[in-house]
Amino acid sequence: MDLTSNTQVSAYETLGVPEIWRLKEGKLEINLLNQGKYVSASTSLSFPSIPAVEGISLFLENSMNMPMSAVRREFRQWVLQQL
């Protein structure tokens, strides 16, 4: 995960990073490496049973209107329900 810069996707492709998560306009985007190029995915290789894109995007949206402690608590509960 790279939070400090807007690294070009081609750099990760060259390195063979199997999965990247990026935040674009407040929404999570997951890309998986497939035959040397990234393709958009709705689930993660690391967390296949969790609908990460829709769930995390929702919690990011909620974090604008709720205290972070409440968002973290709800997020933990949501993850446990997904497992």
PDB file of N, CA and C in Angstrom:
ATOM      1  N   MET A   1       0.860  -1.175   0.000  1.00  0.00           N
ATOM      2  CA  MET A   1       0.000   0.000   0.000  1.00  0.00           C
ATOM      3  C   MET A   1       0.899   1.229   0.000  1.00  0.00           C
ATOM      4  N   ASP A   2       0.604   2.139  -0.886  1.00  0.00           N
ATOM      5  CA  ASP A   2       1.396   3.356  -1.007  1.00  0.00           C
ATOM      6  C   ASP A   2       0.476   4.539  -0.744  1.00  0.00           C
ATOM      7  N   LEU A   3       0.634   5.171   0.406  1.00  0.00           N
ATOM      8  CA  LEU A   3      -0.223   6.292   0.766  1.00  0.00           C
ATOM      9  C   LEU A   3       0.442   7.640   0.545  1.00  0.00           C
ATOM     10  N   THR A   4       1.738   7.618   0.252  1.00  0.00           N
ATOM     11  CA  THR A   4       2.485   8.861   0.228  1.00  0.00           C
ATOM     12  C   THR A   4       2.632   9.482  -1.144  1.00  0.00           C
ATOM     13  N   SER A   5       2.370   8.722  -2.194  1.00  0.00           N
ATOM     14  CA  SER A   5       2.565   9.269  -3.531  1.00  0.00           C
ATOM     15  C   SER A   5       1.579   8.657  -4.506  1.00  0.00           C
ATOM     16  N   ASN A   6       1.531   9.231  -5.671  1.00  0.00           N
ATOM     17  CA  ASN A   6       0.668   8.723  -6.728  1.00  0.00           C
ATOM     18  C   ASN A   6       1.556   7.970  -7.724  1.00  0.00           C
ATOM     19  N   THR A   7       2.093   6.851  -7.276  1.00  0.00           N
ATOM     20  CA  THR A   7       2.999   6.052  -8.084  1.00  0.00           C
ATOM     21  C   THR A   7       2.278   5.521  -9.313  1.00  0.00           C
ATOM     22  N   GLN A   8       2.978   5.538 -10.433  1.00  0.00           N
ATOM     23  CA  GLN A   8       2.407   5.019 -11.672  1.00  0.00           C
ATOM     24  C   GLN A   8       2.171   3.512 -11.541  1.00  0.00           C
ATOM     25  N   VAL A   9       1.031   3.058 -12.022  1.00  0.00           N
ATOM     26  CA  VAL A   9       0.675   1.646 -11.950  1.00  0.00           C
ATOM     27  C   VAL A   9       1.720   0.794 -12.671  1.00  0.00           C
ATOM     28  N   SER A  10       2.294   1.314 -13.728  1.00  0.00           N
ATOM     29  CA  SER A  10       3.287   0.540 -14.488  1.00  0.00           C
ATOM     30  C   SER A  10       4.489   0.144 -13.614  1.00  0.00           C
ATOM     31  N   ALA A  11       4.814   0.946 -12.617  1.00  0.00           N
ATOM     32  CA  ALA A  11       5.913   0.596 -11.716  1.00  0.00           C
ATOM     33  C   ALA A  11       5.586  -0.668 -10.942  1.00  0.00           C
ATOM     34  N   TYR A  12       4.352  -0.802 -10.482  1.00  0.00           N
ATOM     35  CA  TYR A  12       3.939  -1.999  -9.755  1.00  0.00           C
ATOM     36  C   TYR A  12       3.870  -3.202 -10.687  1.00  0.00           C
ATOM     37  N   GLU A  13       3.427  -2.980 -11.926  1.00  0.00           N
ATOM     38  CA  GLU A  13       3.391  -4.071 -12.911  1.00  0.00           C
ATOM     39  C   GLU A  13       4.796  -4.609 -13.145  1.00  0.00           C
ATOM     40  N   THR A  14       5.765  -3.712 -13.318  1.00  0.00           N
ATOM     41  CA  THR A  14       7.158  -4.094 -13.547  1.00  0.00           C
ATOM     42  C   THR A  14       7.707  -4.900 -12.383  1.00  0.00           C
ATOM     43  N   LEU A  15       7.327  -4.513 -11.171  1.00  0.00           N
ATOM     44  CA  LEU A  15       7.785  -5.226  -9.973  1.00  0.00           C
ATOM     45  C   LEU A  15       7.032  -6.539  -9.748  1.00  0.00           C
ATOM     46  N   GLY A  16       5.907  -6.716 -10.444  1.00  0.00           N
ATOM     47  CA  GLY A  16       5.118  -7.936 -10.288  1.00  0.00           C
ATOM     48  C   GLY A  16       4.291  -7.977  -9.025  1.00  0.00           C
ATOM     49  N   VAL A  17       3.915  -6.810  -8.509  1.00  0.00           N
ATOM     50  CA  VAL A  17       3.081  -6.756  -7.297  1.00  0.00           C
ATOM     51  C   VAL A  17       1.713  -7.339  -7.663  1.00  0.00           C
ATOM     52  N   PRO A  18       1.298  -8.413  -6.991  1.00  0.00           N
ATOM     53  CA  PRO A  18       0.085  -9.126  -7.415  1.00  0.00           C
ATOM     54  C   PRO A  18      -1.232  -8.370  -7.210  1.00  0.00           C
ATOM     55  N   GLU A  19      -1.238  -7.403  -6.313  1.00  0.00           N
ATOM     56  CA  GLU A  19      -2.499  -6.730  -5.990  1.00  0.00           C
ATOM     57  C   GLU A  19      -2.209  -5.316  -5.493  1.00  0.00           C
ATOM     58  N   ILE A  20      -2.950  -4.346  -5.992  1.00  0.00           N
ATOM     59  CA  ILE A  20      -2.829  -2.989  -5.465  1.00  0.00           C
ATOM     60  C   ILE A  20      -4.206  -2.467  -5.120  1.00  0.00           C
ATOM     61  N   TRP A  21      -4.243  -1.690  -4.047  1.00  0.00           N
ATOM     62  CA  TRP A  21      -5.465  -1.019  -3.621  1.00  0.00           C
ATOM     63  C   TRP A  21      -5.189   0.472  -3.733  1.00  0.00           C
ATOM     64  N   ARG A  22      -6.106   1.184  -4.368  1.00  0.00           N
ATOM     65  CA  ARG A  22      -5.956   2.634  -4.491  1.00  0.00           C
ATOM     66  C   ARG A  22      -7.280   3.299  -4.151  1.00  0.00           C
ATOM     67  N   LEU A  23      -7.169   4.464  -3.584  1.00  0.00           N
ATOM     68  CA  LEU A  23      -8.343   5.256  -3.253  1.00  0.00           C
ATOM     69  C   LEU A  23      -8.478   6.330  -4.311  1.00  0.00           C
ATOM     70  N   LYS A  24      -9.607   6.305  -5.018  1.00  0.00           N
ATOM     71  CA  LYS A  24      -9.870   7.292  -6.061  1.00  0.00           C
ATOM     72  C   LYS A  24     -11.218   7.928  -5.797  1.00  0.00           C
ATOM     73  N   GLU A  25     -11.185   9.237  -5.601  1.00  0.00           N
ATOM     74  CA  GLU A  25     -12.412  10.002  -5.362  1.00  0.00           C
ATOM     75  C   GLU A  25     -13.246   9.396  -4.242  1.00  0.00           C
ATOM     76  N   GLY A  26     -12.563   8.979  -3.163  1.00  0.00           N
ATOM     77  CA  GLY A  26     -13.243   8.452  -1.990  1.00  0.00           C
ATOM     78  C   GLY A  26     -13.717   7.019  -2.101  1.00  0.00           C
ATOM     79  N   LYS A  27     -13.397   6.347  -3.199  1.00  0.00           N
ATOM     80  CA  LYS A  27     -13.818   4.959  -3.402  1.00  0.00           C
ATOM     81  C   LYS A  27     -12.584   4.078  -3.528  1.00  0.00           C
ATOM     82  N   LEU A  28     -12.663   2.894  -2.938  1.00  0.00           N
ATOM     83  CA  LEU A  28     -11.579   1.935  -3.015  1.00  0.00           C
ATOM     84  C   LEU A  28     -11.601   1.260  -4.378  1.00  0.00           C
ATOM     85  N   GLU A  29     -10.420   1.086  -4.936  1.00  0.00           N
ATOM     86  CA  GLU A  29     -10.269   0.367  -6.197  1.00  0.00           C
ATOM     87  C   GLU A  29      -9.224  -0.720  -5.977  1.00  0.00           C
ATOM     88  N   ILE A  30      -9.574  -1.961  -6.301  1.00  0.00           N
ATOM     89  CA  ILE A  30      -8.635  -3.075  -6.191  1.00  0.00           C
ATOM     90  C   ILE A  30      -8.273  -3.508  -7.604  1.00  0.00           C
ATOM     91  N   ASN A  31      -6.977  -3.670  -7.834  1.00  0.00           N
ATOM     92  CA  ASN A  31      -6.496  -4.148  -9.123  1.00  0.00           C
ATOM     93  C   ASN A  31      -5.611  -5.356  -8.899  1.00  0.00           C
ATOM     94  N   LEU A  32      -5.849  -6.403  -9.700  1.00  0.00           N
ATOM     95  CA  LEU A  32      -5.078  -7.634  -9.614  1.00  0.00           C
ATOM     96  C   LEU A  32      -4.231  -7.780 -10.869  1.00  0.00           C
ATOM     97  N   LEU A  33      -3.016  -8.249 -10.693  1.00  0.00           N
ATOM     98  CA  LEU A  33      -2.114  -8.454 -11.812  1.00  0.00           C
ATOM     99  C   LEU A  33      -2.528  -9.713 -12.562  1.00  0.00           C
ATOM    100  N   ASN A  34      -2.787  -9.559 -13.862  1.00  0.00           N
ATOM    101  CA  ASN A  34      -3.220 -10.670 -14.703  1.00  0.00           C
ATOM    102  C   ASN A  34      -2.453 -10.586 -16.017  1.00  0.00           C
ATOM    103  N   GLN A  35      -1.569 -11.540 -16.228  1.00  0.00           N
ATOM    104  CA  GLN A  35      -0.735 -11.572 -17.437  1.00  0.00           C
ATOM    105  C   GLN A  35       0.024 -10.265 -17.640  1.00  0.00           C
ATOM    106  N   GLY A  36       0.588  -9.734 -16.559  1.00  0.00           N
ATOM    107  CA  GLY A  36       1.431  -8.556 -16.631  1.00  0.00           C
ATOM    108  C   GLY A  36       0.713  -7.222 -16.623  1.00  0.00           C
ATOM    109  N   LYS A  37      -0.618  -7.219 -16.581  1.00  0.00           N
ATOM    110  CA  LYS A  37      -1.397  -5.975 -16.562  1.00  0.00           C
ATOM    111  C   LYS A  37      -2.414  -6.051 -15.429  1.00  0.00           C
ATOM    112  N   TYR A  38      -2.755  -4.893 -14.884  1.00  0.00           N
ATOM    113  CA  TYR A  38      -3.739  -4.858 -13.812  1.00  0.00           C
ATOM    114  C   TYR A  38      -5.156  -4.801 -14.364  1.00  0.00           C
ATOM    115  N   VAL A  39      -6.018  -5.590 -13.730  1.00  0.00           N
ATOM    116  CA  VAL A  39      -7.438  -5.579 -14.056  1.00  0.00           C
ATOM    117  C   VAL A  39      -8.213  -5.267 -12.784  1.00  0.00           C
ATOM    118  N   SER A  40      -9.298  -4.546 -12.937  1.00  0.00           N
ATOM    119  CA  SER A  40     -10.130  -4.174 -11.806  1.00  0.00           C
ATOM    120  C   SER A  40     -10.805  -5.421 -11.228  1.00  0.00           C
ATOM    121  N   ALA A  41     -10.916  -5.451  -9.897  1.00  0.00           N
ATOM    122  CA  ALA A  41     -11.548  -6.587  -9.223  1.00  0.00           C
ATOM    123  C   ALA A  41     -12.421  -6.074  -8.083  1.00  0.00           C
ATOM    124  N   SER A  42     -13.431  -6.855  -7.739  1.00  0.00           N
ATOM    125  CA  SER A  42     -14.308  -6.462  -6.636  1.00  0.00           C
ATOM    126  C   SER A  42     -13.885  -7.100  -5.320  1.00  0.00           C
ATOM    127  N   THR A  43     -13.018  -8.115  -5.403  1.00  0.00           N
ATOM    128  CA  THR A  43     -12.522  -8.757  -4.187  1.00  0.00           C
ATOM    129  C   THR A  43     -11.000  -8.825  -4.226  1.00  0.00           C
ATOM    130  N   SER A  44     -10.426  -9.032  -3.074  1.00  0.00           N
ATOM    131  CA  SER A  44      -8.986  -9.090  -2.895  1.00  0.00           C
ATOM    132  C   SER A  44      -8.498 -10.531  -2.895  1.00  0.00           C
ATOM    133  N   LEU A  45      -7.291 -10.746  -3.398  1.00  0.00           N
ATOM    134  CA  LEU A  45      -6.673 -12.071  -3.282  1.00  0.00           C
ATOM    135  C   LEU A  45      -6.394 -12.393  -1.822  1.00  0.00           C
ATOM    136  N   SER A  46      -6.049 -11.370  -1.049  1.00  0.00           N
ATOM    137  CA  SER A  46      -5.701 -11.557   0.355  1.00  0.00           C
ATOM    138  C   SER A  46      -6.915 -11.789   1.246  1.00  0.00           C
ATOM    139  N   PHE A  47      -8.047 -11.206   0.868  1.00  0.00           N
ATOM    140  CA  PHE A  47      -9.274 -11.319   1.666  1.00  0.00           C
ATOM    141  C   PHE A  47     -10.438 -11.705   0.758  1.00  0.00           C
ATOM    142  N   PRO A  48     -10.423 -12.914   0.175  1.00  0.00           N
ATOM    143  CA  PRO A  48     -11.419 -13.267  -0.841  1.00  0.00           C
ATOM    144  C   PRO A  48     -12.864 -13.350  -0.343  1.00  0.00           C
ATOM    145  N   SER A  49     -13.063 -13.572   0.943  1.00  0.00           N
ATOM    146  CA  SER A  49     -14.439 -13.706   1.447  1.00  0.00           C
ATOM    147  C   SER A  49     -15.060 -12.375   1.863  1.00  0.00           C
ATOM    148  N   ILE A  50     -14.306 -11.291   1.736  1.00  0.00           N
ATOM    149  CA  ILE A  50     -14.796  -9.975   2.163  1.00  0.00           C
ATOM    150  C   ILE A  50     -15.041  -9.100   0.937  1.00  0.00           C
ATOM    151  N   PRO A  51     -16.247  -8.551   0.786  1.00  0.00           N
ATOM    152  CA  PRO A  51     -16.516  -7.633  -0.323  1.00  0.00           C
ATOM    153  C   PRO A  51     -15.858  -6.275  -0.047  1.00  0.00           C
ATOM    154  N   ALA A  52     -14.542  -6.245  -0.195  1.00  0.00           N
ATOM    155  CA  ALA A  52     -13.734  -5.107   0.238  1.00  0.00           C
ATOM    156  C   ALA A  52     -14.107  -3.798  -0.440  1.00  0.00           C
ATOM    157  N   VAL A  53     -14.292  -3.814  -1.753  1.00  0.00           N
ATOM    158  CA  VAL A  53     -14.547  -2.559  -2.464  1.00  0.00           C
ATOM    159  C   VAL A  53     -15.807  -1.886  -1.937  1.00  0.00           C
ATOM    160  N   GLU A  54     -16.903  -2.604  -1.912  1.00  0.00           N
ATOM    161  CA  GLU A  54     -18.155  -1.971  -1.474  1.00  0.00           C
ATOM    162  C   GLU A  54     -18.151  -1.681   0.024  1.00  0.00           C
ATOM    163  N   GLY A  55     -17.626  -2.592   0.821  1.00  0.00           N
ATOM    164  CA  GLY A  55     -17.627  -2.394   2.267  1.00  0.00           C
ATOM    165  C   GLY A  55     -16.720  -1.260   2.720  1.00  0.00           C
ATOM    166  N   ILE A  56     -15.495  -1.269   2.258  1.00  0.00           N
ATOM    167  CA  ILE A  56     -14.552  -0.235   2.685  1.00  0.00           C
ATOM    168  C   ILE A  56     -14.964   1.120   2.144  1.00  0.00           C
ATOM    169  N   SER A  57     -15.463   1.163   0.915  1.00  0.00           N
ATOM    170  CA  SER A  57     -15.935   2.439   0.364  1.00  0.00           C
ATOM    171  C   SER A  57     -17.069   3.004   1.213  1.00  0.00           C
ATOM    172  N   LEU A  58     -17.969   2.142   1.662  1.00  0.00           N
ATOM    173  CA  LEU A  58     -19.073   2.586   2.513  1.00  0.00           C
ATOM    174  C   LEU A  58     -18.546   3.145   3.835  1.00  0.00           C
ATOM    175  N   PHE A  59     -17.591   2.455   4.456  1.00  0.00           N
ATOM    176  CA  PHE A  59     -17.052   2.941   5.721  1.00  0.00           C
ATOM    177  C   PHE A  59     -16.260   4.229   5.539  1.00  0.00           C
ATOM    178  N   LEU A  60     -15.574   4.370   4.423  1.00  0.00           N
ATOM    179  CA  LEU A  60     -14.879   5.630   4.151  1.00  0.00           C
ATOM    180  C   LEU A  60     -15.877   6.773   4.033  1.00  0.00           C
ATOM    181  N   GLU A  61     -16.982   6.515   3.373  1.00  0.00           N
ATOM    182  CA  GLU A  61     -18.035   7.528   3.230  1.00  0.00           C
ATOM    183  C   GLU A  61     -18.628   7.875   4.594  1.00  0.00           C
ATOM    184  N   ASN A  62     -18.907   6.853   5.409  1.00  0.00           N
ATOM    185  CA  ASN A  62     -19.477   7.070   6.741  1.00  0.00           C
ATOM    186  C   ASN A  62     -18.521   7.830   7.653  1.00  0.00           C
ATOM    187  N   SER A  63     -17.225   7.677   7.415  1.00  0.00           N
ATOM    188  CA  SER A  63     -16.246   8.320   8.294  1.00  0.00           C
ATOM    189  C   SER A  63     -16.304   9.842   8.220  1.00  0.00           C
ATOM    190  N   MET A  64     -16.959  10.368   7.193  1.00  0.00           N
ATOM    191  CA  MET A  64     -17.090  11.819   7.073  1.00  0.00           C
ATOM    192  C   MET A  64     -18.100  12.384   8.071  1.00  0.00           C
ATOM    193  N   ASN A  65     -19.014  11.514   8.551  1.00  0.00           N
ATOM    194  CA  ASN A  65     -20.110  11.975   9.406  1.00  0.00           C
ATOM    195  C   ASN A  65     -20.122  11.348  10.792  1.00  0.00           C
ATOM    196  N   MET A  66     -19.151  10.483  11.072  1.00  0.00           N
ATOM    197  CA  MET A  66     -19.135   9.778  12.346  1.00  0.00           C
ATOM    198  C   MET A  66     -17.762   9.923  13.001  1.00  0.00           C
ATOM    199  N   PRO A  67     -17.712   9.830  14.322  1.00  0.00           N
ATOM    200  CA  PRO A  67     -16.403   9.808  14.992  1.00  0.00           C
ATOM    201  C   PRO A  67     -15.616   8.572  14.546  1.00  0.00           C
ATOM    202  N   MET A  68     -14.304   8.721  14.394  1.00  0.00           N
ATOM    203  CA  MET A  68     -13.487   7.609  13.928  1.00  0.00           C
ATOM    204  C   MET A  68     -13.580   6.394  14.840  1.00  0.00           C
ATOM    205  N   SER A  69     -13.731   6.601  16.126  1.00  0.00           N
ATOM    206  CA  SER A  69     -13.840   5.460  17.042  1.00  0.00           C
ATOM    207  C   SER A  69     -15.079   4.631  16.713  1.00  0.00           C
ATOM    208  N   ALA A  70     -16.177   5.288  16.375  1.00  0.00           N
ATOM    209  CA  ALA A  70     -17.404   4.575  16.013  1.00  0.00           C
ATOM    210  C   ALA A  70     -17.243   3.861  14.671  1.00  0.00           C
ATOM    211  N   VAL A  71     -16.587   4.505  13.725  1.00  0.00           N
ATOM    212  CA  VAL A  71     -16.355   3.887  12.416  1.00  0.00           C
ATOM    213  C   VAL A  71     -15.487   2.647  12.574  1.00  0.00           C
ATOM    214  N   ARG A  72     -14.406   2.759  13.356  1.00  0.00           N
ATOM    215  CA  ARG A  72     -13.531   1.600  13.577  1.00  0.00           C
ATOM    216  C   ARG A  72     -14.285   0.453  14.236  1.00  0.00           C
ATOM    217  N   ARG A  73     -15.123   0.760  15.217  1.00  0.00           N
ATOM    218  CA  ARG A  73     -15.896  -0.270  15.914  1.00  0.00           C
ATOM    219  C   ARG A  73     -16.855  -0.971  14.943  1.00  0.00           C
ATOM    220  N   GLU A  74     -17.571  -0.189  14.145  1.00  0.00           N
ATOM    221  CA  GLU A  74     -18.497  -0.769  13.171  1.00  0.00           C
ATOM    222  C   GLU A  74     -17.757  -1.563  12.102  1.00  0.00           C
ATOM    223  N   PHE A  75     -16.594  -1.061  11.692  1.00  0.00           N
ATOM    224  CA  PHE A  75     -15.816  -1.763  10.682  1.00  0.00           C
ATOM    225  C   PHE A  75     -15.354  -3.119  11.205  1.00  0.00           C
ATOM    226  N   ARG A  76     -14.867  -3.168  12.443  1.00  0.00           N
ATOM    227  CA  ARG A  76     -14.456  -4.435  13.048  1.00  0.00           C
ATOM    228  C   ARG A  76     -15.615  -5.427  13.079  1.00  0.00           C
ATOM    229  N   GLN A  77     -16.789  -4.956  13.477  1.00  0.00           N
ATOM    230  CA  GLN A  77     -17.964  -5.827  13.531  1.00  0.00           C
ATOM    231  C   GLN A  77     -18.326  -6.337  12.137  1.00  0.00           C
ATOM    232  N   TRP A  78     -18.250  -5.457  11.157  1.00  0.00           N
ATOM    233  CA  TRP A  78     -18.568  -5.830   9.779  1.00  0.00           C
ATOM    234  C   TRP A  78     -17.604  -6.908   9.272  1.00  0.00           C
ATOM    235  N   VAL A  79     -16.304  -6.724   9.530  1.00  0.00           N
ATOM    236  CA  VAL A  79     -15.310  -7.721   9.094  1.00  0.00           C
ATOM    237  C   VAL A  79     -15.574  -9.054   9.743  1.00  0.00           C
ATOM    238  N   LEU A  80     -15.846  -9.061  11.042  1.00  0.00           N
ATOM    239  CA  LEU A  80     -16.127 -10.313  11.745  1.00  0.00           C
ATOM    240  C   LEU A  80     -17.348 -11.013  11.165  1.00  0.00           C
ATOM    241  N   GLN A  81     -18.345 -10.271  10.764  1.00  0.00           N
ATOM    242  CA  GLN A  81     -19.541 -10.857  10.152  1.00  0.00           C
ATOM    243  C   GLN A  81     -19.235 -11.485   8.789  1.00  0.00           C
ATOM    244  N   GLN A  82     -18.251 -10.921   8.092  1.00  0.00           N
ATOM    245  CA  GLN A  82     -17.895 -11.418   6.762  1.00  0.00           C
ATOM    246  C   GLN A  82     -17.095 -12.715   6.816  1.00  0.00           C
ATOM    247  N   LEU A  83     -16.419 -12.929   7.954  1.00  0.00           N
ATOM    248  CA  LEU A  83     -15.538 -14.115   8.070  1.00  0.00           C
ATOM    249  C   LEU A  83     -16.272 -15.379   8.355  1.00  0.00           C
TER     250      LEU A  83
END
